[in-house]
Amino acid sequence: MASGPPRHMSGTFVAVVGPSGAGKDSLIGFARDRLEASGRVVFVRRVVTRAADGGSEDHDSMDTIAFAAAERDGAFALSWDAHGLRYGLPIGLENDLAAGRVVVANLSRAQIPGLLQRYPNAVVVAVTADIEVIAKRLANRGRETADSIQLRLSRSVVDRLPTSTVRIDNSGSLEVAGTQFVRLLQDAAGLVERV
């Protein structure tokens, strides 16, 4: 994590969290297609110590040595370990926050306390889905064995999210959950006209 408090920021950080297979990347992609051109909403590309492959999120890749050096040099606003990989959000996102933009990023639930310490006005969006839907999505990715998927699904994650967390059920049509997410981002970016 970057050291020192960030400068004054009038924008809003929107952290998208939830279990693998809940459809976070699909929801973010749905919103990106509809809002990125506005220039008011920015979608952060994570840096991950995993090679880019067509089946995973759109991310920038770095090996572990380069990642550690970048982290040491303050290149990340937030960084963390999960599932044997390192993840980082580029420090440049703070330029967008300072300019009053809405910044959207896929984040680990375990990082929410650090996020709120660094960006107290952040909005947390928890994406959920029925367990059967998640199991099917994970199996369709082809990155895990049936046993590892079952282990992942049986893992108990303590939900220590703030009471202000917005929850979006993405069990059904992406259009339904995506529209809900887009409206939230439009409101945060001031793109919704008040009547």
N, C-alpha and C. Protein backbone atom coordinates (compact mmCIF):
# COMPACT_ATOMS: atom_id res chain seq x y z
N MET A 1 0.84 -1.18 0.00
CA MET A 1 0.00 0.00 0.00
C MET A 1 0.88 1.24 0.00
N ALA A 2 0.44 2.27 -0.70
CA ALA A 2 1.20 3.51 -0.75
C ALA A 2 1.26 4.13 0.64
N SER A 3 2.37 4.80 0.92
CA SER A 3 2.51 5.40 2.24
C SER A 3 1.97 6.81 2.24
N GLY A 4 1.57 7.27 3.42
CA GLY A 4 1.11 8.64 3.59
C GLY A 4 -0.32 8.81 3.13
N PRO A 5 -1.00 9.80 3.73
CA PRO A 5 -2.39 10.03 3.35
C PRO A 5 -2.47 10.68 1.98
N PRO A 6 -3.52 10.37 1.22
CA PRO A 6 -3.66 10.98 -0.09
C PRO A 6 -4.05 12.44 0.03
N ARG A 7 -3.77 13.21 -1.02
CA ARG A 7 -4.17 14.61 -1.03
C ARG A 7 -5.70 14.70 -1.08
N HIS A 8 -6.23 15.91 -0.97
CA HIS A 8 -7.68 16.09 -0.99
C HIS A 8 -8.26 15.52 -2.29
N MET A 9 -9.30 14.74 -2.15
CA MET A 9 -9.90 14.11 -3.30
C MET A 9 -11.40 14.31 -3.28
N SER A 10 -11.93 14.89 -4.33
CA SER A 10 -13.36 15.15 -4.39
C SER A 10 -14.13 14.05 -5.10
N GLY A 11 -13.41 13.11 -5.71
CA GLY A 11 -14.06 12.00 -6.39
C GLY A 11 -14.49 10.92 -5.42
N THR A 12 -15.07 9.87 -5.97
CA THR A 12 -15.57 8.75 -5.16
C THR A 12 -14.94 7.46 -5.63
N PHE A 13 -14.37 6.72 -4.68
CA PHE A 13 -13.83 5.39 -4.97
C PHE A 13 -14.96 4.39 -4.76
N VAL A 14 -15.26 3.59 -5.78
CA VAL A 14 -16.27 2.55 -5.67
C VAL A 14 -15.56 1.21 -5.74
N ALA A 15 -15.56 0.50 -4.63
CA ALA A 15 -14.89 -0.81 -4.53
C ALA A 15 -15.92 -1.91 -4.77
N VAL A 16 -15.66 -2.75 -5.75
CA VAL A 16 -16.54 -3.87 -6.07
C VAL A 16 -15.93 -5.13 -5.46
N VAL A 17 -16.67 -5.78 -4.57
CA VAL A 17 -16.17 -6.96 -3.87
C VAL A 17 -17.18 -8.10 -4.01
N GLY A 18 -16.73 -9.29 -3.70
CA GLY A 18 -17.61 -10.46 -3.73
C GLY A 18 -16.81 -11.69 -4.07
N PRO A 19 -17.41 -12.86 -3.90
CA PRO A 19 -16.69 -14.11 -4.15
C PRO A 19 -16.40 -14.32 -5.63
N SER A 20 -15.37 -15.10 -5.93
CA SER A 20 -15.08 -15.48 -7.31
C SER A 20 -16.32 -16.16 -7.88
N GLY A 21 -16.69 -15.79 -9.09
CA GLY A 21 -17.85 -16.39 -9.73
C GLY A 21 -19.13 -15.61 -9.53
N ALA A 22 -19.10 -14.57 -8.70
CA ALA A 22 -20.32 -13.76 -8.49
C ALA A 22 -20.59 -12.86 -9.69
N GLY A 23 -19.58 -12.64 -10.51
CA GLY A 23 -19.77 -11.83 -11.71
C GLY A 23 -19.31 -10.40 -11.58
N LYS A 24 -18.31 -10.16 -10.74
CA LYS A 24 -17.81 -8.78 -10.55
C LYS A 24 -17.26 -8.21 -11.86
N ASP A 25 -16.42 -8.96 -12.55
CA ASP A 25 -15.83 -8.46 -13.79
C ASP A 25 -16.89 -8.23 -14.86
N SER A 26 -17.89 -9.09 -14.92
CA SER A 26 -18.98 -8.91 -15.89
C SER A 26 -19.76 -7.64 -15.59
N LEU A 27 -20.03 -7.40 -14.31
CA LEU A 27 -20.75 -6.20 -13.89
C LEU A 27 -19.95 -4.95 -14.21
N ILE A 28 -18.65 -5.00 -13.92
CA ILE A 28 -17.77 -3.86 -14.21
C ILE A 28 -17.71 -3.62 -15.73
N GLY A 29 -17.61 -4.69 -16.51
CA GLY A 29 -17.58 -4.56 -17.97
C GLY A 29 -18.87 -3.97 -18.52
N PHE A 30 -19.99 -4.37 -17.96
CA PHE A 30 -21.30 -3.84 -18.37
C PHE A 30 -21.33 -2.33 -18.13
N ALA A 31 -20.88 -1.91 -16.96
CA ALA A 31 -20.88 -0.48 -16.62
C ALA A 31 -19.85 0.28 -17.48
N ARG A 32 -18.68 -0.31 -17.71
CA ARG A 32 -17.65 0.34 -18.52
C ARG A 32 -18.19 0.65 -19.92
N ASP A 33 -18.88 -0.32 -20.52
CA ASP A 33 -19.42 -0.13 -21.87
C ASP A 33 -20.39 1.05 -21.93
N ARG A 34 -21.05 1.35 -20.84
CA ARG A 34 -22.08 2.39 -20.82
C ARG A 34 -21.61 3.73 -20.27
N LEU A 35 -20.53 3.73 -19.49
CA LEU A 35 -20.16 4.96 -18.79
C LEU A 35 -18.76 5.50 -19.07
N GLU A 36 -17.87 4.67 -19.58
CA GLU A 36 -16.48 5.11 -19.73
C GLU A 36 -16.36 6.34 -20.63
N ALA A 37 -17.17 6.40 -21.68
CA ALA A 37 -17.10 7.52 -22.62
C ALA A 37 -17.49 8.85 -21.98
N SER A 38 -18.18 8.82 -20.84
CA SER A 38 -18.59 10.06 -20.17
C SER A 38 -17.39 10.84 -19.64
N GLY A 39 -16.29 10.13 -19.40
CA GLY A 39 -15.11 10.77 -18.81
C GLY A 39 -15.26 11.04 -17.32
N ARG A 40 -16.39 10.73 -16.74
CA ARG A 40 -16.65 10.97 -15.32
C ARG A 40 -16.45 9.72 -14.47
N VAL A 41 -16.40 8.55 -15.14
CA VAL A 41 -16.24 7.28 -14.42
C VAL A 41 -15.03 6.57 -15.02
N VAL A 42 -14.09 6.17 -14.15
CA VAL A 42 -12.85 5.53 -14.56
C VAL A 42 -12.82 4.11 -14.00
N PHE A 43 -12.44 3.17 -14.84
CA PHE A 43 -12.38 1.77 -14.43
C PHE A 43 -10.91 1.36 -14.35
N VAL A 44 -10.46 1.02 -13.16
CA VAL A 44 -9.04 0.76 -12.89
C VAL A 44 -8.66 -0.65 -13.36
N ARG A 45 -7.57 -0.72 -14.11
CA ARG A 45 -6.98 -2.02 -14.47
C ARG A 45 -6.05 -2.45 -13.35
N ARG A 46 -6.34 -3.60 -12.76
CA ARG A 46 -5.48 -4.10 -11.70
C ARG A 46 -4.18 -4.64 -12.30
N VAL A 47 -3.15 -4.61 -11.48
CA VAL A 47 -1.89 -5.27 -11.81
C VAL A 47 -1.89 -6.57 -11.02
N VAL A 48 -1.65 -7.69 -11.71
CA VAL A 48 -1.72 -9.01 -11.07
C VAL A 48 -0.49 -9.82 -11.47
N THR A 49 0.02 -10.60 -10.54
CA THR A 49 1.16 -11.47 -10.83
C THR A 49 0.66 -12.77 -11.47
N ARG A 50 -0.12 -12.60 -12.54
CA ARG A 50 -0.64 -13.73 -13.31
C ARG A 50 -0.57 -13.31 -14.77
N ALA A 51 -0.15 -14.22 -15.63
CA ALA A 51 -0.10 -13.91 -17.06
C ALA A 51 -1.51 -13.67 -17.57
N ALA A 52 -1.65 -12.73 -18.49
CA ALA A 52 -2.94 -12.47 -19.11
C ALA A 52 -3.30 -13.67 -19.98
N ASP A 53 -4.52 -14.15 -19.81
CA ASP A 53 -5.02 -15.24 -20.66
C ASP A 53 -6.48 -14.89 -20.97
N GLY A 54 -6.97 -15.23 -22.06
CA GLY A 54 -8.31 -14.84 -22.47
C GLY A 54 -9.40 -15.16 -21.47
N GLY A 55 -9.15 -16.08 -20.52
CA GLY A 55 -10.20 -16.51 -19.62
C GLY A 55 -10.28 -15.77 -18.31
N SER A 56 -9.38 -14.83 -18.06
CA SER A 56 -9.43 -14.11 -16.79
C SER A 56 -9.71 -12.64 -17.04
N GLU A 57 -9.78 -11.89 -15.95
CA GLU A 57 -10.06 -10.46 -16.07
C GLU A 57 -9.01 -9.76 -16.93
N ASP A 58 -9.41 -8.65 -17.48
CA ASP A 58 -8.50 -7.81 -18.24
C ASP A 58 -7.61 -7.08 -17.23
N HIS A 59 -6.34 -7.43 -17.20
CA HIS A 59 -5.44 -6.86 -16.20
C HIS A 59 -4.04 -6.67 -16.80
N ASP A 60 -3.23 -5.92 -16.07
CA ASP A 60 -1.83 -5.79 -16.44
C ASP A 60 -1.05 -6.83 -15.65
N SER A 61 -0.12 -7.50 -16.30
CA SER A 61 0.64 -8.57 -15.65
C SER A 61 2.02 -8.08 -15.23
N MET A 62 2.50 -8.64 -14.12
CA MET A 62 3.84 -8.33 -13.62
C MET A 62 4.33 -9.58 -12.91
N ASP A 63 5.62 -9.88 -13.03
CA ASP A 63 6.13 -11.01 -12.25
C ASP A 63 6.31 -10.54 -10.80
N THR A 64 6.53 -11.49 -9.91
CA THR A 64 6.57 -11.16 -8.48
C THR A 64 7.72 -10.22 -8.11
N ILE A 65 8.85 -10.35 -8.79
CA ILE A 65 9.99 -9.48 -8.49
C ILE A 65 9.69 -8.04 -8.90
N ALA A 66 9.15 -7.87 -10.11
CA ALA A 66 8.80 -6.52 -10.59
C ALA A 66 7.69 -5.92 -9.73
N PHE A 67 6.74 -6.76 -9.31
CA PHE A 67 5.64 -6.28 -8.47
C PHE A 67 6.19 -5.76 -7.14
N ALA A 68 7.07 -6.54 -6.52
CA ALA A 68 7.65 -6.13 -5.24
C ALA A 68 8.40 -4.81 -5.38
N ALA A 69 9.13 -4.64 -6.48
CA ALA A 69 9.87 -3.39 -6.71
C ALA A 69 8.91 -2.23 -6.91
N ALA A 70 7.85 -2.44 -7.68
CA ALA A 70 6.85 -1.39 -7.91
C ALA A 70 6.16 -1.00 -6.60
N GLU A 71 5.86 -2.00 -5.79
CA GLU A 71 5.22 -1.75 -4.49
C GLU A 71 6.15 -0.92 -3.60
N ARG A 72 7.41 -1.30 -3.58
CA ARG A 72 8.41 -0.59 -2.78
C ARG A 72 8.56 0.87 -3.24
N ASP A 73 8.40 1.10 -4.55
CA ASP A 73 8.55 2.44 -5.12
C ASP A 73 7.27 3.28 -5.03
N GLY A 74 6.24 2.74 -4.37
CA GLY A 74 5.00 3.50 -4.19
C GLY A 74 4.11 3.56 -5.42
N ALA A 75 4.21 2.54 -6.30
CA ALA A 75 3.43 2.54 -7.54
C ALA A 75 1.97 2.17 -7.35
N PHE A 76 1.63 1.66 -6.16
CA PHE A 76 0.26 1.20 -5.93
C PHE A 76 -0.43 2.01 -4.84
N ALA A 77 -1.70 2.34 -5.08
CA ALA A 77 -2.52 2.97 -4.05
C ALA A 77 -2.89 1.92 -3.00
N LEU A 78 -3.19 0.72 -3.46
CA LEU A 78 -3.51 -0.42 -2.60
C LEU A 78 -2.89 -1.66 -3.22
N SER A 79 -2.43 -2.58 -2.39
CA SER A 79 -1.91 -3.85 -2.89
C SER A 79 -2.21 -4.92 -1.86
N TRP A 80 -2.32 -6.18 -2.33
CA TRP A 80 -2.66 -7.27 -1.42
C TRP A 80 -2.33 -8.62 -2.04
N ASP A 81 -2.38 -9.65 -1.21
CA ASP A 81 -2.18 -11.04 -1.61
C ASP A 81 -3.52 -11.76 -1.58
N ALA A 82 -3.79 -12.60 -2.56
CA ALA A 82 -4.98 -13.45 -2.54
C ALA A 82 -4.77 -14.61 -3.49
N HIS A 83 -5.14 -15.80 -3.05
CA HIS A 83 -5.10 -17.00 -3.90
C HIS A 83 -3.72 -17.23 -4.53
N GLY A 84 -2.66 -16.93 -3.77
CA GLY A 84 -1.31 -17.17 -4.24
C GLY A 84 -0.80 -16.14 -5.25
N LEU A 85 -1.53 -15.05 -5.43
CA LEU A 85 -1.14 -13.99 -6.36
C LEU A 85 -1.02 -12.67 -5.63
N ARG A 86 -0.35 -11.70 -6.25
CA ARG A 86 -0.28 -10.32 -5.74
C ARG A 86 -1.14 -9.45 -6.63
N TYR A 87 -1.84 -8.51 -6.03
CA TYR A 87 -2.72 -7.60 -6.75
C TYR A 87 -2.37 -6.17 -6.36
N GLY A 88 -2.46 -5.26 -7.30
CA GLY A 88 -2.21 -3.85 -7.01
C GLY A 88 -3.10 -2.94 -7.84
N LEU A 89 -3.46 -1.81 -7.24
CA LEU A 89 -4.19 -0.76 -7.95
C LEU A 89 -3.24 0.40 -8.16
N PRO A 90 -2.98 0.80 -9.40
CA PRO A 90 -2.00 1.86 -9.68
C PRO A 90 -2.31 3.17 -8.94
N ILE A 91 -1.27 3.81 -8.43
CA ILE A 91 -1.39 5.05 -7.67
C ILE A 91 -2.02 6.17 -8.50
N GLY A 92 -1.94 6.06 -9.82
CA GLY A 92 -2.53 7.06 -10.71
C GLY A 92 -4.02 7.26 -10.52
N LEU A 93 -4.70 6.30 -9.90
CA LEU A 93 -6.14 6.45 -9.66
C LEU A 93 -6.41 7.68 -8.79
N GLU A 94 -5.42 8.08 -7.98
CA GLU A 94 -5.62 9.24 -7.11
C GLU A 94 -5.70 10.54 -7.91
N ASN A 95 -5.11 10.59 -9.11
CA ASN A 95 -5.27 11.76 -9.98
C ASN A 95 -6.72 11.89 -10.41
N ASP A 96 -7.36 10.75 -10.71
CA ASP A 96 -8.77 10.77 -11.09
C ASP A 96 -9.66 11.18 -9.92
N LEU A 97 -9.35 10.67 -8.74
CA LEU A 97 -10.12 11.06 -7.56
C LEU A 97 -9.96 12.55 -7.28
N ALA A 98 -8.74 13.05 -7.42
CA ALA A 98 -8.49 14.49 -7.18
C ALA A 98 -9.24 15.34 -8.20
N ALA A 99 -9.47 14.81 -9.39
CA ALA A 99 -10.18 15.53 -10.44
C ALA A 99 -11.70 15.39 -10.31
N GLY A 100 -12.15 14.70 -9.26
CA GLY A 100 -13.58 14.57 -9.00
C GLY A 100 -14.27 13.44 -9.73
N ARG A 101 -13.51 12.52 -10.29
CA ARG A 101 -14.11 11.40 -11.01
C ARG A 101 -14.50 10.26 -10.06
N VAL A 102 -15.36 9.38 -10.54
CA VAL A 102 -15.69 8.15 -9.84
C VAL A 102 -14.70 7.10 -10.34
N VAL A 103 -14.03 6.44 -9.41
CA VAL A 103 -13.03 5.42 -9.72
C VAL A 103 -13.58 4.07 -9.27
N VAL A 104 -13.67 3.12 -10.19
CA VAL A 104 -14.24 1.80 -9.92
C VAL A 104 -13.13 0.76 -9.98
N ALA A 105 -13.05 -0.09 -8.95
CA ALA A 105 -12.04 -1.14 -8.94
C ALA A 105 -12.56 -2.39 -8.26
N ASN A 106 -12.14 -3.53 -8.77
CA ASN A 106 -12.42 -4.84 -8.19
C ASN A 106 -11.42 -5.03 -7.05
N LEU A 107 -11.92 -5.25 -5.84
CA LEU A 107 -11.06 -5.28 -4.66
C LEU A 107 -11.36 -6.52 -3.82
N SER A 108 -10.38 -6.98 -3.08
CA SER A 108 -10.57 -8.07 -2.13
C SER A 108 -11.34 -7.56 -0.92
N ARG A 109 -12.29 -8.37 -0.44
CA ARG A 109 -13.06 -7.97 0.75
C ARG A 109 -12.16 -7.72 1.95
N ALA A 110 -11.05 -8.45 2.04
CA ALA A 110 -10.13 -8.28 3.17
C ALA A 110 -9.46 -6.92 3.16
N GLN A 111 -9.48 -6.22 2.03
CA GLN A 111 -8.82 -4.92 1.91
C GLN A 111 -9.73 -3.74 2.25
N ILE A 112 -10.99 -4.01 2.56
CA ILE A 112 -11.94 -2.91 2.81
C ILE A 112 -11.52 -2.03 3.99
N PRO A 113 -11.05 -2.58 5.12
CA PRO A 113 -10.61 -1.68 6.20
C PRO A 113 -9.51 -0.71 5.75
N GLY A 114 -8.51 -1.21 5.00
CA GLY A 114 -7.44 -0.35 4.51
C GLY A 114 -7.95 0.65 3.49
N LEU A 115 -8.89 0.23 2.65
CA LEU A 115 -9.50 1.13 1.68
C LEU A 115 -10.17 2.30 2.39
N LEU A 116 -10.98 2.00 3.41
CA LEU A 116 -11.74 3.04 4.10
C LEU A 116 -10.84 3.94 4.94
N GLN A 117 -9.71 3.40 5.37
CA GLN A 117 -8.75 4.24 6.09
C GLN A 117 -8.12 5.25 5.13
N ARG A 118 -7.81 4.79 3.92
CA ARG A 118 -7.17 5.67 2.94
C ARG A 118 -8.18 6.57 2.22
N TYR A 119 -9.37 6.04 1.94
CA TYR A 119 -10.42 6.78 1.22
C TYR A 119 -11.72 6.67 2.04
N PRO A 120 -11.87 7.47 3.08
CA PRO A 120 -13.00 7.33 4.00
C PRO A 120 -14.38 7.43 3.35
N ASN A 121 -14.48 8.10 2.21
CA ASN A 121 -15.78 8.26 1.56
C ASN A 121 -16.05 7.20 0.49
N ALA A 122 -15.24 6.16 0.48
CA ALA A 122 -15.42 5.10 -0.53
C ALA A 122 -16.78 4.43 -0.37
N VAL A 123 -17.31 3.98 -1.51
CA VAL A 123 -18.56 3.22 -1.53
C VAL A 123 -18.19 1.77 -1.80
N VAL A 124 -18.73 0.86 -1.01
CA VAL A 124 -18.47 -0.57 -1.19
C VAL A 124 -19.71 -1.20 -1.83
N VAL A 125 -19.50 -1.91 -2.94
CA VAL A 125 -20.57 -2.63 -3.62
C VAL A 125 -20.24 -4.11 -3.53
N ALA A 126 -21.08 -4.87 -2.83
CA ALA A 126 -20.88 -6.32 -2.69
C ALA A 126 -21.75 -7.05 -3.70
N VAL A 127 -21.11 -7.78 -4.60
CA VAL A 127 -21.81 -8.55 -5.62
C VAL A 127 -22.00 -9.97 -5.10
N THR A 128 -23.21 -10.45 -5.15
CA THR A 128 -23.52 -11.79 -4.68
C THR A 128 -24.20 -12.58 -5.80
N ALA A 129 -24.27 -13.89 -5.62
CA ALA A 129 -25.01 -14.76 -6.54
C ALA A 129 -25.30 -16.05 -5.79
N ASP A 130 -26.31 -16.76 -6.24
CA ASP A 130 -26.64 -18.05 -5.65
C ASP A 130 -25.46 -19.00 -5.81
N ILE A 131 -25.26 -19.87 -4.83
CA ILE A 131 -24.10 -20.77 -4.82
C ILE A 131 -24.06 -21.67 -6.06
N GLU A 132 -25.23 -22.11 -6.55
CA GLU A 132 -25.25 -22.96 -7.74
C GLU A 132 -24.76 -22.18 -8.97
N VAL A 133 -25.13 -20.90 -9.04
CA VAL A 133 -24.70 -20.05 -10.15
C VAL A 133 -23.18 -19.85 -10.09
N ILE A 134 -22.67 -19.58 -8.89
CA ILE A 134 -21.23 -19.39 -8.73
C ILE A 134 -20.47 -20.67 -9.13
N ALA A 135 -20.95 -21.83 -8.67
CA ALA A 135 -20.29 -23.10 -9.00
C ALA A 135 -20.23 -23.30 -10.51
N LYS A 136 -21.31 -23.00 -11.20
CA LYS A 136 -21.35 -23.17 -12.67
C LYS A 136 -20.38 -22.21 -13.34
N ARG A 137 -20.35 -20.96 -12.89
CA ARG A 137 -19.45 -19.97 -13.49
C ARG A 137 -17.99 -20.37 -13.29
N LEU A 138 -17.66 -20.83 -12.08
CA LEU A 138 -16.28 -21.24 -11.81
C LEU A 138 -15.89 -22.44 -12.67
N ALA A 139 -16.80 -23.38 -12.83
CA ALA A 139 -16.52 -24.56 -13.66
C ALA A 139 -16.33 -24.16 -15.12
N ASN A 140 -17.11 -23.20 -15.60
CA ASN A 140 -17.01 -22.76 -17.00
C ASN A 140 -15.70 -22.04 -17.29
N ARG A 141 -15.07 -21.48 -16.26
CA ARG A 141 -13.78 -20.81 -16.47
C ARG A 141 -12.69 -21.81 -16.84
N GLY A 142 -12.79 -23.02 -16.28
CA GLY A 142 -11.81 -24.05 -16.58
C GLY A 142 -10.46 -23.86 -15.92
N ARG A 143 -10.39 -23.00 -14.91
CA ARG A 143 -9.10 -22.74 -14.25
C ARG A 143 -8.93 -23.59 -12.98
N GLU A 144 -9.99 -24.22 -12.51
CA GLU A 144 -9.93 -24.97 -11.26
C GLU A 144 -10.54 -26.35 -11.43
N THR A 145 -10.09 -27.27 -10.61
CA THR A 145 -10.67 -28.61 -10.62
C THR A 145 -11.99 -28.57 -9.85
N ALA A 146 -12.80 -29.61 -10.02
CA ALA A 146 -14.08 -29.70 -9.31
C ALA A 146 -13.85 -29.67 -7.80
N ASP A 147 -12.77 -30.33 -7.34
CA ASP A 147 -12.46 -30.35 -5.89
C ASP A 147 -12.09 -28.97 -5.39
N SER A 148 -11.29 -28.21 -6.16
CA SER A 148 -10.90 -26.88 -5.70
C SER A 148 -12.08 -25.92 -5.72
N ILE A 149 -13.00 -26.12 -6.67
CA ILE A 149 -14.21 -25.29 -6.69
C ILE A 149 -15.05 -25.58 -5.46
N GLN A 150 -15.20 -26.87 -5.13
CA GLN A 150 -15.99 -27.24 -3.95
C GLN A 150 -15.35 -26.67 -2.68
N LEU A 151 -14.02 -26.73 -2.60
CA LEU A 151 -13.31 -26.18 -1.44
C LEU A 151 -13.54 -24.68 -1.35
N ARG A 152 -13.48 -23.98 -2.49
CA ARG A 152 -13.70 -22.54 -2.52
C ARG A 152 -15.12 -22.20 -2.05
N LEU A 153 -16.09 -22.98 -2.52
CA LEU A 153 -17.49 -22.72 -2.16
C LEU A 153 -17.79 -23.01 -0.70
N SER A 154 -17.04 -23.95 -0.11
CA SER A 154 -17.29 -24.31 1.29
C SER A 154 -16.57 -23.39 2.27
N ARG A 155 -15.63 -22.58 1.73
CA ARG A 155 -14.89 -21.65 2.57
C ARG A 155 -15.83 -20.63 3.18
N SER A 156 -15.71 -20.44 4.45
CA SER A 156 -16.55 -19.45 5.12
C SER A 156 -15.80 -18.14 5.17
N VAL A 157 -16.40 -17.10 4.58
CA VAL A 157 -15.80 -15.78 4.59
C VAL A 157 -16.61 -14.89 5.51
N VAL A 158 -15.95 -14.35 6.52
CA VAL A 158 -16.64 -13.46 7.44
C VAL A 158 -16.87 -12.14 6.73
N ASP A 159 -18.13 -11.73 6.66
CA ASP A 159 -18.50 -10.50 5.98
C ASP A 159 -18.36 -9.33 6.94
N ARG A 160 -17.22 -8.65 6.88
CA ARG A 160 -16.98 -7.49 7.75
C ARG A 160 -17.11 -6.20 6.96
N LEU A 161 -18.07 -6.16 6.09
CA LEU A 161 -18.26 -4.99 5.26
C LEU A 161 -19.03 -3.93 6.04
N PRO A 162 -18.82 -2.66 5.69
CA PRO A 162 -19.52 -1.59 6.40
C PRO A 162 -21.03 -1.70 6.21
N THR A 163 -21.77 -1.16 7.17
CA THR A 163 -23.23 -1.23 7.09
C THR A 163 -23.77 -0.47 5.88
N SER A 164 -23.00 0.46 5.36
CA SER A 164 -23.43 1.25 4.20
C SER A 164 -23.24 0.50 2.87
N THR A 165 -22.73 -0.73 2.92
CA THR A 165 -22.45 -1.50 1.70
C THR A 165 -23.71 -1.65 0.85
N VAL A 166 -23.56 -1.42 -0.44
CA VAL A 166 -24.64 -1.64 -1.40
C VAL A 166 -24.50 -3.08 -1.90
N ARG A 167 -25.57 -3.84 -1.84
CA ARG A 167 -25.51 -5.24 -2.25
C ARG A 167 -26.29 -5.43 -3.55
N ILE A 168 -25.64 -6.08 -4.52
CA ILE A 168 -26.26 -6.35 -5.81
C ILE A 168 -26.24 -7.85 -6.06
N ASP A 169 -27.43 -8.44 -6.26
CA ASP A 169 -27.54 -9.87 -6.56
C ASP A 169 -27.39 -10.05 -8.06
N ASN A 170 -26.37 -10.79 -8.45
CA ASN A 170 -26.07 -11.02 -9.87
C ASN A 170 -26.32 -12.48 -10.24
N SER A 171 -27.35 -13.08 -9.63
CA SER A 171 -27.67 -14.48 -9.92
C SER A 171 -28.36 -14.65 -11.26
N GLY A 172 -29.11 -13.64 -11.67
CA GLY A 172 -29.91 -13.74 -12.90
C GLY A 172 -29.28 -13.02 -14.06
N SER A 173 -30.10 -12.27 -14.75
CA SER A 173 -29.67 -11.55 -15.95
C SER A 173 -28.66 -10.46 -15.61
N LEU A 174 -27.57 -10.42 -16.38
CA LEU A 174 -26.57 -9.37 -16.19
C LEU A 174 -27.20 -8.00 -16.42
N GLU A 175 -28.16 -7.92 -17.31
CA GLU A 175 -28.84 -6.66 -17.62
C GLU A 175 -29.48 -6.06 -16.36
N VAL A 176 -30.08 -6.90 -15.53
CA VAL A 176 -30.76 -6.43 -14.32
C VAL A 176 -29.74 -5.91 -13.30
N ALA A 177 -28.76 -6.74 -12.96
CA ALA A 177 -27.74 -6.33 -11.98
C ALA A 177 -26.90 -5.19 -12.55
N GLY A 178 -26.56 -5.26 -13.83
CA GLY A 178 -25.75 -4.24 -14.46
C GLY A 178 -26.42 -2.88 -14.47
N THR A 179 -27.71 -2.86 -14.74
CA THR A 179 -28.46 -1.59 -14.74
C THR A 179 -28.46 -0.97 -13.35
N GLN A 180 -28.62 -1.81 -12.33
CA GLN A 180 -28.58 -1.32 -10.95
C GLN A 180 -27.20 -0.69 -10.65
N PHE A 181 -26.13 -1.35 -11.08
CA PHE A 181 -24.78 -0.86 -10.85
C PHE A 181 -24.53 0.44 -11.62
N VAL A 182 -24.97 0.49 -12.87
CA VAL A 182 -24.81 1.70 -13.69
C VAL A 182 -25.50 2.88 -13.03
N ARG A 183 -26.71 2.68 -12.52
CA ARG A 183 -27.44 3.78 -11.87
C ARG A 183 -26.69 4.28 -10.64
N LEU A 184 -26.12 3.37 -9.87
CA LEU A 184 -25.34 3.77 -8.70
C LEU A 184 -24.16 4.64 -9.13
N LEU A 185 -23.45 4.22 -10.18
CA LEU A 185 -22.28 4.97 -10.65
C LEU A 185 -22.69 6.31 -11.25
N GLN A 186 -23.79 6.33 -11.98
CA GLN A 186 -24.28 7.60 -12.55
C GLN A 186 -24.61 8.59 -11.43
N ASP A 187 -25.23 8.09 -10.39
CA ASP A 187 -25.56 8.95 -9.25
C ASP A 187 -24.30 9.49 -8.59
N ALA A 188 -23.32 8.62 -8.38
CA ALA A 188 -22.07 9.03 -7.75
C ALA A 188 -21.32 10.04 -8.60
N ALA A 189 -21.45 9.93 -9.93
CA ALA A 189 -20.73 10.82 -10.85
C ALA A 189 -21.52 12.08 -11.18
N GLY A 190 -22.73 12.20 -10.63
CA GLY A 190 -23.54 13.36 -10.94
C GLY A 190 -24.08 13.33 -12.36
N LEU A 191 -24.25 12.13 -12.92
CA LEU A 191 -24.76 11.99 -14.28
C LEU A 191 -26.27 11.79 -14.31
N VAL A 192 -26.90 11.78 -13.13
CA VAL A 192 -28.34 11.59 -13.05
C VAL A 192 -28.99 12.94 -12.75
N GLU A 193 -29.93 13.32 -13.58
CA GLU A 193 -30.62 14.60 -13.34
C GLU A 193 -31.61 14.43 -12.20
N ARG A 194 -31.56 15.36 -11.26
CA ARG A 194 -32.49 15.35 -10.13
C ARG A 194 -33.78 16.05 -10.53
N VAL A 195 -34.90 15.47 -10.17
CA VAL A 195 -36.21 16.07 -10.49
C VAL A 195 -36.75 16.77 -9.26
